[in-house]
Amino acid sequence: MRRRPFLASLLPVLLLASCGPASTTGSSGTGGATTELTVFAAASLRVVFDEVSTKFKEANPQVTVRFNYAGSADLISQLDAGAPADVLVTANQSTMDRAVDAGTVTAAPVVIATNVLVLIAPTDNPAGLTDLESAAAPGVDLVVCAPQVPCGAAAQTIAANADIDLTPVSEENSVTDVLGKVTSGQADAGIVYATDAADAGEAVTTIELPGADQARTEYPAAVTASTGQPEQAQAFVDFLRQDPAQALLADAGFQQP
């Protein structure tokens, strides 16, 4: 019984490990071989990367991509714990630098896109938000990303530059969690990426943040050291910089590196 908490804490890593790293197997009906790549990607890339994988599959029919989406800091922790992956894409350079320093990635990362933060509120904007200062006012339930998460670090930079003290009621581990708190009515305000606000559509009211450009985030991608198929993994990283993927990223509101 005393072992149960320890085993429970290992369960997410063991489940990922049971899936194994990218593998090559016989392909039914084609006589060729299929490759499965596991891509660890920042949560803010979820919608557009699902579309990117479809385009990549059209160009590389023998390769299937599956994703593990989470906050960038969580992705690094999973890799450090031994979870297998072929490609890592984070939502800022400093988090990727941790992977480089730890030897988790083998090649120099390349930036595939950039993003900026915005302030959001539920559609009816119950707190009457107009700017970041109003979101930091007493009585406003503001939700942000945790400081160790890229969106949280960028939010802190924007607030510091504006000389505003943020008093969030909750700090989340991913930008999608912040978005979910706002769209579900659990929070009066949240700070998320412009792309997440765009995905939410009419479910949120979006307010631009002055100085957001000074806290712009970059999305670097790199092949991991644990991949068993570096050529296919590098092909996916290269594809992210090519026109089909860049067009999808632009349509989703991301900006080119």
C-alpha atoms as a PDB file:
ATOM      1  CA  MET A   1       0.000   0.000   0.000  1.00  0.00           C
ATOM      2  CA  ARG A   2       2.847   2.378   0.710  1.00  0.00           C
ATOM      3  CA  ARG A   3       4.072   2.021  -2.875  1.00  0.00           C
ATOM      4  CA  ARG A   4       0.815   3.197  -4.433  1.00  0.00           C
ATOM      5  CA  PRO A   5       1.566   7.008  -4.510  1.00  0.00           C
ATOM      6  CA  PHE A   6       4.953   6.335  -6.104  1.00  0.00           C
ATOM      7  CA  LEU A   7       3.501   4.047  -8.748  1.00  0.00           C
ATOM      8  CA  ALA A   8       0.695   6.490  -9.432  1.00  0.00           C
ATOM      9  CA  SER A   9       3.178   9.275 -10.026  1.00  0.00           C
ATOM     10  CA  LEU A  10       4.966   7.148 -12.601  1.00  0.00           C
ATOM     11  CA  LEU A  11       1.793   6.138 -14.446  1.00  0.00           C
ATOM     12  CA  PRO A  12       1.771   8.979 -17.062  1.00  0.00           C
ATOM     13  CA  VAL A  13       5.395   8.268 -18.003  1.00  0.00           C
ATOM     14  CA  LEU A  14       4.853   4.512 -18.078  1.00  0.00           C
ATOM     15  CA  LEU A  15       1.835   4.916 -20.332  1.00  0.00           C
ATOM     16  CA  LEU A  16       3.853   7.030 -22.740  1.00  0.00           C
ATOM     17  CA  ALA A  17       6.746   4.605 -22.603  1.00  0.00           C
ATOM     18  CA  SER A  18       4.429   1.693 -23.343  1.00  0.00           C
ATOM     19  CA  CYS A  19       3.607   3.369 -26.630  1.00  0.00           C
ATOM     20  CA  GLY A  20       7.312   3.304 -27.432  1.00  0.00           C
ATOM     21  CA  PRO A  21       9.309   5.680 -29.591  1.00  0.00           C
ATOM     22  CA  ALA A  22       8.734   6.072 -33.302  1.00  0.00           C
ATOM     23  CA  SER A  23       8.514   2.642 -34.881  1.00  0.00           C
ATOM     24  CA  THR A  24       8.612   1.083 -38.314  1.00  0.00           C
ATOM     25  CA  THR A  25       6.206  -1.739 -39.097  1.00  0.00           C
ATOM     26  CA  GLY A  26       4.840  -3.499 -42.117  1.00  0.00           C
ATOM     27  CA  SER A  27       2.201  -1.502 -43.954  1.00  0.00           C
ATOM     28  CA  SER A  28      -0.910  -3.457 -44.848  1.00  0.00           C
ATOM     29  CA  GLY A  29      -1.892  -3.302 -48.465  1.00  0.00           C
ATOM     30  CA  THR A  30       1.137  -1.305 -49.659  1.00  0.00           C
ATOM     31  CA  GLY A  31       4.019  -3.693 -49.200  1.00  0.00           C
ATOM     32  CA  GLY A  32       6.059  -0.831 -47.765  1.00  0.00           C
ATOM     33  CA  ALA A  33       6.854   0.223 -44.239  1.00  0.00           C
ATOM     34  CA  THR A  34       5.051   2.722 -42.084  1.00  0.00           C
ATOM     35  CA  THR A  35       6.723   4.999 -39.595  1.00  0.00           C
ATOM     36  CA  GLU A  36       5.044   6.466 -36.534  1.00  0.00           C
ATOM     37  CA  LEU A  37       6.466   9.675 -35.138  1.00  0.00           C
ATOM     38  CA  THR A  38       5.635  10.984 -31.676  1.00  0.00           C
ATOM     39  CA  VAL A  39       5.703  14.768 -31.477  1.00  0.00           C
ATOM     40  CA  PHE A  40       5.715  16.535 -28.118  1.00  0.00           C
ATOM     41  CA  ALA A  41       4.158  19.943 -28.851  1.00  0.00           C
ATOM     42  CA  ALA A  42       3.098  23.002 -26.880  1.00  0.00           C
ATOM     43  CA  ALA A  43      -0.620  23.021 -26.091  1.00  0.00           C
ATOM     44  CA  SER A  44      -1.210  26.208 -28.080  1.00  0.00           C
ATOM     45  CA  LEU A  45      -0.331  24.305 -31.265  1.00  0.00           C
ATOM     46  CA  ARG A  46      -3.032  21.654 -30.869  1.00  0.00           C
ATOM     47  CA  VAL A  47      -5.547  22.819 -33.479  1.00  0.00           C
ATOM     48  CA  VAL A  48      -3.125  23.845 -36.211  1.00  0.00           C
ATOM     49  CA  PHE A  49      -0.778  20.877 -35.758  1.00  0.00           C
ATOM     50  CA  ASP A  50      -3.649  18.455 -36.281  1.00  0.00           C
ATOM     51  CA  GLU A  51      -4.087  20.140 -39.674  1.00  0.00           C
ATOM     52  CA  VAL A  52      -0.337  20.206 -40.336  1.00  0.00           C
ATOM     53  CA  SER A  53      -0.109  16.459 -39.735  1.00  0.00           C
ATOM     54  CA  THR A  54      -2.715  15.879 -42.448  1.00  0.00           C
ATOM     55  CA  LYS A  55      -0.658  17.876 -44.958  1.00  0.00           C
ATOM     56  CA  PHE A  56       2.511  16.087 -43.876  1.00  0.00           C
ATOM     57  CA  LYS A  57       0.785  12.740 -44.372  1.00  0.00           C
ATOM     58  CA  GLU A  58      -0.161  13.729 -47.921  1.00  0.00           C
ATOM     59  CA  ALA A  59       3.491  14.398 -48.714  1.00  0.00           C
ATOM     60  CA  ASN A  60       4.755  11.420 -46.670  1.00  0.00           C
ATOM     61  CA  PRO A  61       2.073   8.702 -46.881  1.00  0.00           C
ATOM     62  CA  GLN A  62       4.229   6.145 -45.083  1.00  0.00           C
ATOM     63  CA  VAL A  63       4.598   8.327 -41.967  1.00  0.00           C
ATOM     64  CA  THR A  64       1.950   8.744 -39.269  1.00  0.00           C
ATOM     65  CA  VAL A  65       2.317  11.493 -36.676  1.00  0.00           C
ATOM     66  CA  ARG A  66       0.766  11.349 -33.232  1.00  0.00           C
ATOM     67  CA  PHE A  67       0.948  14.202 -30.774  1.00  0.00           C
ATOM     68  CA  ASN A  68       1.363  14.683 -27.059  1.00  0.00           C
ATOM     69  CA  TYR A  69       0.143  18.216 -26.261  1.00  0.00           C
ATOM     70  CA  ALA A  70       0.925  19.892 -22.931  1.00  0.00           C
ATOM     71  CA  GLY A  71       2.490  22.983 -21.440  1.00  0.00           C
ATOM     72  CA  SER A  72       6.100  23.321 -22.574  1.00  0.00           C
ATOM     73  CA  ALA A  73       7.482  22.893 -19.049  1.00  0.00           C
ATOM     74  CA  ASP A  74       5.453  19.688 -18.633  1.00  0.00           C
ATOM     75  CA  LEU A  75       6.790  18.348 -21.925  1.00  0.00           C
ATOM     76  CA  ILE A  76      10.364  18.885 -20.759  1.00  0.00           C
ATOM     77  CA  SER A  77       9.600  17.144 -17.466  1.00  0.00           C
ATOM     78  CA  GLN A  78       8.133  14.160 -19.315  1.00  0.00           C
ATOM     79  CA  LEU A  79      11.209  13.877 -21.532  1.00  0.00           C
ATOM     80  CA  ASP A  80      13.508  14.168 -18.525  1.00  0.00           C
ATOM     81  CA  ALA A  81      11.561  11.312 -16.922  1.00  0.00           C
ATOM     82  CA  GLY A  82      12.230   9.090 -19.934  1.00  0.00           C
ATOM     83  CA  ALA A  83       9.070   9.472 -22.006  1.00  0.00           C
ATOM     84  CA  PRO A  84       9.870   8.608 -25.657  1.00  0.00           C
ATOM     85  CA  ALA A  85       9.440  11.210 -28.379  1.00  0.00           C
ATOM     86  CA  ASP A  86      10.846  11.981 -31.802  1.00  0.00           C
ATOM     87  CA  VAL A  87      10.276  15.736 -32.067  1.00  0.00           C
ATOM     88  CA  LEU A  88       9.920  18.492 -29.480  1.00  0.00           C
ATOM     89  CA  VAL A  89       8.205  21.828 -30.188  1.00  0.00           C
ATOM     90  CA  THR A  90       8.008  24.330 -27.335  1.00  0.00           C
ATOM     91  CA  ALA A  91       6.324  27.714 -27.017  1.00  0.00           C
ATOM     92  CA  ASN A  92       9.468  29.654 -26.175  1.00  0.00           C
ATOM     93  CA  GLN A  93      13.212  29.514 -26.677  1.00  0.00           C
ATOM     94  CA  SER A  94      14.215  29.386 -23.014  1.00  0.00           C
ATOM     95  CA  THR A  95      12.274  26.156 -22.441  1.00  0.00           C
ATOM     96  CA  MET A  96      13.880  24.598 -25.515  1.00  0.00           C
ATOM     97  CA  ASP A  97      17.262  25.754 -24.194  1.00  0.00           C
ATOM     98  CA  ARG A  98      16.662  23.539 -21.150  1.00  0.00           C
ATOM     99  CA  ALA A  99      16.260  20.558 -23.469  1.00  0.00           C
ATOM    100  CA  VAL A 100      19.410  21.515 -25.357  1.00  0.00           C
ATOM    101  CA  ASP A 101      21.415  21.843 -22.133  1.00  0.00           C
ATOM    102  CA  ALA A 102      20.116  18.482 -20.895  1.00  0.00           C
ATOM    103  CA  GLY A 103      20.963  16.766 -24.181  1.00  0.00           C
ATOM    104  CA  THR A 104      17.294  15.907 -24.756  1.00  0.00           C
ATOM    105  CA  VAL A 105      17.469  17.215 -28.314  1.00  0.00           C
ATOM    106  CA  THR A 106      20.306  16.445 -30.688  1.00  0.00           C
ATOM    107  CA  ALA A 107      20.113  19.097 -33.391  1.00  0.00           C
ATOM    108  CA  ALA A 108      20.017  22.876 -33.297  1.00  0.00           C
ATOM    109  CA  PRO A 109      16.371  23.936 -32.867  1.00  0.00           C
ATOM    110  CA  VAL A 110      14.732  26.000 -35.612  1.00  0.00           C
ATOM    111  CA  VAL A 111      12.006  28.583 -34.988  1.00  0.00           C
ATOM    112  CA  ILE A 112       8.823  27.726 -36.899  1.00  0.00           C
ATOM    113  CA  ALA A 113       6.467  30.527 -35.780  1.00  0.00           C
ATOM    114  CA  THR A 114       5.850  33.348 -33.316  1.00  0.00           C
ATOM    115  CA  ASN A 115       2.841  34.408 -31.231  1.00  0.00           C
ATOM    116  CA  VAL A 116       1.629  37.214 -28.950  1.00  0.00           C
ATOM    117  CA  LEU A 117      -0.596  37.344 -25.875  1.00  0.00           C
ATOM    118  CA  VAL A 118      -4.044  38.930 -25.592  1.00  0.00           C
ATOM    119  CA  LEU A 119      -6.501  39.476 -22.780  1.00  0.00           C
ATOM    120  CA  ILE A 120      -9.775  37.568 -22.992  1.00  0.00           C
ATOM    121  CA  ALA A 121     -13.077  37.618 -21.127  1.00  0.00           C
ATOM    122  CA  PRO A 122     -16.317  35.651 -21.477  1.00  0.00           C
ATOM    123  CA  THR A 123     -18.460  36.881 -24.342  1.00  0.00           C
ATOM    124  CA  ASP A 124     -20.599  39.120 -22.135  1.00  0.00           C
ATOM    125  CA  ASN A 125     -17.493  40.523 -20.382  1.00  0.00           C
ATOM    126  CA  PRO A 126     -19.135  40.571 -16.921  1.00  0.00           C
ATOM    127  CA  ALA A 127     -16.242  42.460 -15.298  1.00  0.00           C
ATOM    128  CA  GLY A 128     -16.332  45.186 -17.953  1.00  0.00           C
ATOM    129  CA  LEU A 129     -12.676  44.734 -18.884  1.00  0.00           C
ATOM    130  CA  THR A 130     -11.043  47.313 -21.119  1.00  0.00           C
ATOM    131  CA  ASP A 131      -7.333  46.706 -20.570  1.00  0.00           C
ATOM    132  CA  LEU A 132      -4.783  44.843 -18.455  1.00  0.00           C
ATOM    133  CA  GLU A 133      -5.113  47.293 -15.575  1.00  0.00           C
ATOM    134  CA  SER A 134      -8.839  46.614 -15.302  1.00  0.00           C
ATOM    135  CA  ALA A 135      -8.113  42.869 -15.311  1.00  0.00           C
ATOM    136  CA  ALA A 136      -5.766  43.342 -12.340  1.00  0.00           C
ATOM    137  CA  ALA A 137      -8.343  45.290 -10.317  1.00  0.00           C
ATOM    138  CA  PRO A 138      -9.634  43.939  -6.995  1.00  0.00           C
ATOM    139  CA  GLY A 139     -12.595  41.604  -7.356  1.00  0.00           C
ATOM    140  CA  VAL A 140     -11.706  40.465 -10.871  1.00  0.00           C
ATOM    141  CA  ASP A 141     -11.048  36.731 -11.178  1.00  0.00           C
ATOM    142  CA  LEU A 142      -8.014  36.705 -13.459  1.00  0.00           C
ATOM    143  CA  VAL A 143      -6.414  33.436 -14.615  1.00  0.00           C
ATOM    144  CA  VAL A 144      -2.942  33.244 -16.164  1.00  0.00           C
ATOM    145  CA  CYS A 145      -0.350  30.621 -16.999  1.00  0.00           C
ATOM    146  CA  ALA A 146       2.123  29.665 -14.286  1.00  0.00           C
ATOM    147  CA  PRO A 147       5.437  31.584 -14.392  1.00  0.00           C
ATOM    148  CA  GLN A 148       7.414  28.520 -15.539  1.00  0.00           C
ATOM    149  CA  VAL A 149       5.140  28.150 -18.574  1.00  0.00           C
ATOM    150  CA  PRO A 150       5.993  30.291 -21.646  1.00  0.00           C
ATOM    151  CA  CYS A 151       2.636  32.077 -21.693  1.00  0.00           C
ATOM    152  CA  GLY A 152       3.041  32.838 -17.997  1.00  0.00           C
ATOM    153  CA  ALA A 153       6.545  34.208 -18.402  1.00  0.00           C
ATOM    154  CA  ALA A 154       5.398  36.414 -21.282  1.00  0.00           C
ATOM    155  CA  ALA A 155       2.419  37.682 -19.248  1.00  0.00           C
ATOM    156  CA  GLN A 156       4.732  38.650 -16.410  1.00  0.00           C
ATOM    157  CA  THR A 157       6.959  40.548 -18.830  1.00  0.00           C
ATOM    158  CA  ILE A 158       4.014  42.505 -20.252  1.00  0.00           C
ATOM    159  CA  ALA A 159       2.726  43.333 -16.771  1.00  0.00           C
ATOM    160  CA  ALA A 160       6.155  44.405 -15.533  1.00  0.00           C
ATOM    161  CA  ASN A 161       6.695  46.637 -18.553  1.00  0.00           C
ATOM    162  CA  ALA A 162       3.300  48.260 -17.890  1.00  0.00           C
ATOM    163  CA  ASP A 163       4.065  48.572 -14.147  1.00  0.00           C
ATOM    164  CA  ILE A 164       0.985  46.495 -13.278  1.00  0.00           C
ATOM    165  CA  ASP A 165       0.827  43.930 -10.486  1.00  0.00           C
ATOM    166  CA  LEU A 166      -1.176  40.904 -11.550  1.00  0.00           C
ATOM    167  CA  THR A 167      -3.186  39.148  -8.844  1.00  0.00           C
ATOM    168  CA  PRO A 168      -4.456  35.970 -10.505  1.00  0.00           C
ATOM    169  CA  VAL A 169      -6.827  33.658  -8.689  1.00  0.00           C
ATOM    170  CA  SER A 170      -5.277  30.718 -10.512  1.00  0.00           C
ATOM    171  CA  GLU A 171      -2.068  29.889 -12.386  1.00  0.00           C
ATOM    172  CA  GLU A 172      -2.431  27.110 -14.947  1.00  0.00           C
ATOM    173  CA  ASN A 173       0.094  24.732 -16.513  1.00  0.00           C
ATOM    174  CA  SER A 174      -1.018  25.376 -20.092  1.00  0.00           C
ATOM    175  CA  VAL A 175      -2.660  28.128 -22.095  1.00  0.00           C
ATOM    176  CA  THR A 176      -5.540  25.830 -23.016  1.00  0.00           C
ATOM    177  CA  ASP A 177      -6.356  25.483 -19.312  1.00  0.00           C
ATOM    178  CA  VAL A 178      -6.546  29.273 -19.007  1.00  0.00           C
ATOM    179  CA  LEU A 179      -8.836  29.421 -22.026  1.00  0.00           C
ATOM    180  CA  GLY A 180     -11.044  26.714 -20.567  1.00  0.00           C
ATOM    181  CA  LYS A 181     -11.458  28.602 -17.277  1.00  0.00           C
ATOM    182  CA  VAL A 182     -12.685  31.673 -19.146  1.00  0.00           C
ATOM    183  CA  THR A 183     -14.979  29.976 -21.664  1.00  0.00           C
ATOM    184  CA  SER A 184     -16.590  27.921 -18.885  1.00  0.00           C
ATOM    185  CA  GLY A 185     -17.344  31.055 -16.869  1.00  0.00           C
ATOM    186  CA  GLN A 186     -15.014  30.126 -14.011  1.00  0.00           C
ATOM    187  CA  ALA A 187     -12.965  33.293 -14.538  1.00  0.00           C
ATOM    188  CA  ASP A 188     -13.648  36.914 -15.480  1.00  0.00           C
ATOM    189  CA  ALA A 189     -10.426  37.254 -17.471  1.00  0.00           C
ATOM    190  CA  GLY A 190      -7.477  35.320 -18.818  1.00  0.00           C
ATOM    191  CA  ILE A 191      -4.260  35.957 -20.701  1.00  0.00           C
ATOM    192  CA  VAL A 192      -3.792  33.617 -23.656  1.00  0.00           C
ATOM    193  CA  TYR A 193      -2.154  33.561 -27.050  1.00  0.00           C
ATOM    194  CA  ALA A 194      -3.869  35.428 -29.861  1.00  0.00           C
ATOM    195  CA  THR A 195      -4.214  32.129 -31.731  1.00  0.00           C
ATOM    196  CA  ASP A 196      -6.115  30.522 -28.839  1.00  0.00           C
ATOM    197  CA  ALA A 197      -8.464  33.499 -28.661  1.00  0.00           C
ATOM    198  CA  ALA A 198      -9.050  33.193 -32.408  1.00  0.00           C
ATOM    199  CA  ASP A 199      -9.829  29.470 -32.044  1.00  0.00           C
ATOM    200  CA  ALA A 200     -12.364  30.280 -29.322  1.00  0.00           C
ATOM    201  CA  GLY A 201     -14.191  32.635 -31.699  1.00  0.00           C
ATOM    202  CA  GLU A 202     -17.380  34.138 -30.287  1.00  0.00           C
ATOM    203  CA  ALA A 203     -16.940  32.283 -27.000  1.00  0.00           C
ATOM    204  CA  VAL A 204     -14.644  35.066 -25.783  1.00  0.00           C
ATOM    205  CA  THR A 205     -14.174  38.816 -25.979  1.00  0.00           C
ATOM    206  CA  THR A 206     -10.608  39.633 -27.037  1.00  0.00           C
ATOM    207  CA  ILE A 207      -8.672  42.718 -25.942  1.00  0.00           C
ATOM    208  CA  GLU A 208      -5.234  43.473 -27.375  1.00  0.00           C
ATOM    209  CA  LEU A 209      -2.410  44.134 -24.932  1.00  0.00           C
ATOM    210  CA  PRO A 210      -0.118  47.126 -25.552  1.00  0.00           C
ATOM    211  CA  GLY A 211       3.488  45.980 -25.471  1.00  0.00           C
ATOM    212  CA  ALA A 212       2.633  42.405 -26.387  1.00  0.00           C
ATOM    213  CA  ASP A 213       5.102  42.542 -29.263  1.00  0.00           C
ATOM    214  CA  GLN A 214       7.923  43.083 -26.771  1.00  0.00           C
ATOM    215  CA  ALA A 215       7.006  39.756 -25.165  1.00  0.00           C
ATOM    216  CA  ARG A 216       6.507  37.855 -28.410  1.00  0.00           C
ATOM    217  CA  THR A 217       7.081  34.124 -28.047  1.00  0.00           C
ATOM    218  CA  GLU A 218       8.957  31.920 -30.498  1.00  0.00           C
ATOM    219  CA  TYR A 219       8.195  28.272 -31.222  1.00  0.00           C
ATOM    220  CA  PRO A 220      11.404  26.266 -31.757  1.00  0.00           C
ATOM    221  CA  ALA A 221      11.347  22.670 -32.993  1.00  0.00           C
ATOM    222  CA  ALA A 222      14.048  20.016 -32.775  1.00  0.00           C
ATOM    223  CA  VAL A 223      14.652  16.290 -33.141  1.00  0.00           C
ATOM    224  CA  THR A 224      14.968  14.521 -29.793  1.00  0.00           C
ATOM    225  CA  ALA A 225      17.860  12.358 -28.658  1.00  0.00           C
ATOM    226  CA  SER A 226      15.476   9.468 -27.967  1.00  0.00           C
ATOM    227  CA  THR A 227      14.183   9.127 -31.521  1.00  0.00           C
ATOM    228  CA  GLY A 228      14.857   5.865 -33.265  1.00  0.00           C
ATOM    229  CA  GLN A 229      14.243   7.415 -36.682  1.00  0.00           C
ATOM    230  CA  PRO A 230      16.111  10.697 -36.929  1.00  0.00           C
ATOM    231  CA  GLU A 231      15.668  11.082 -40.700  1.00  0.00           C
ATOM    232  CA  GLN A 232      11.872  10.964 -40.549  1.00  0.00           C
ATOM    233  CA  ALA A 233      11.844  13.162 -37.448  1.00  0.00           C
ATOM    234  CA  GLN A 234      14.032  15.737 -39.170  1.00  0.00           C
ATOM    235  CA  ALA A 235      11.766  15.575 -42.216  1.00  0.00           C
ATOM    236  CA  PHE A 236       8.842  16.629 -40.011  1.00  0.00           C
ATOM    237  CA  VAL A 237      10.831  19.498 -38.483  1.00  0.00           C
ATOM    238  CA  ASP A 238      11.848  20.635 -41.975  1.00  0.00           C
ATOM    239  CA  PHE A 239       8.226  20.419 -43.136  1.00  0.00           C
ATOM    240  CA  LEU A 240       7.188  22.861 -40.412  1.00  0.00           C
ATOM    241  CA  ARG A 241       9.272  25.544 -42.139  1.00  0.00           C
ATOM    242  CA  GLN A 242       7.903  24.801 -45.613  1.00  0.00           C
ATOM    243  CA  ASP A 243       5.046  26.581 -47.398  1.00  0.00           C
ATOM    244  CA  PRO A 244       2.173  24.133 -46.697  1.00  0.00           C
ATOM    245  CA  ALA A 245       2.768  24.186 -42.939  1.00  0.00           C
ATOM    246  CA  GLN A 246       3.585  27.898 -42.830  1.00  0.00           C
ATOM    247  CA  ALA A 247       0.331  28.686 -44.637  1.00  0.00           C
ATOM    248  CA  LEU A 248      -1.668  26.736 -42.052  1.00  0.00           C
ATOM    249  CA  LEU A 249       0.185  28.437 -39.202  1.00  0.00           C
ATOM    250  CA  ALA A 250      -0.518  31.855 -40.737  1.00  0.00           C
ATOM    251  CA  ASP A 251      -4.218  31.013 -41.172  1.00  0.00           C
ATOM    252  CA  ALA A 252      -4.324  30.089 -37.470  1.00  0.00           C
ATOM    253  CA  GLY A 253      -2.913  33.500 -36.530  1.00  0.00           C
ATOM    254  CA  PHE A 254       0.712  32.586 -35.992  1.00  0.00           C
ATOM    255  CA  GLN A 255       3.356  34.822 -37.497  1.00  0.00           C
ATOM    256  CA  GLN A 256       6.373  33.697 -39.430  1.00  0.00           C
ATOM    257  CA  PRO A 257       9.735  33.497 -37.668  1.00  0.00           C
END
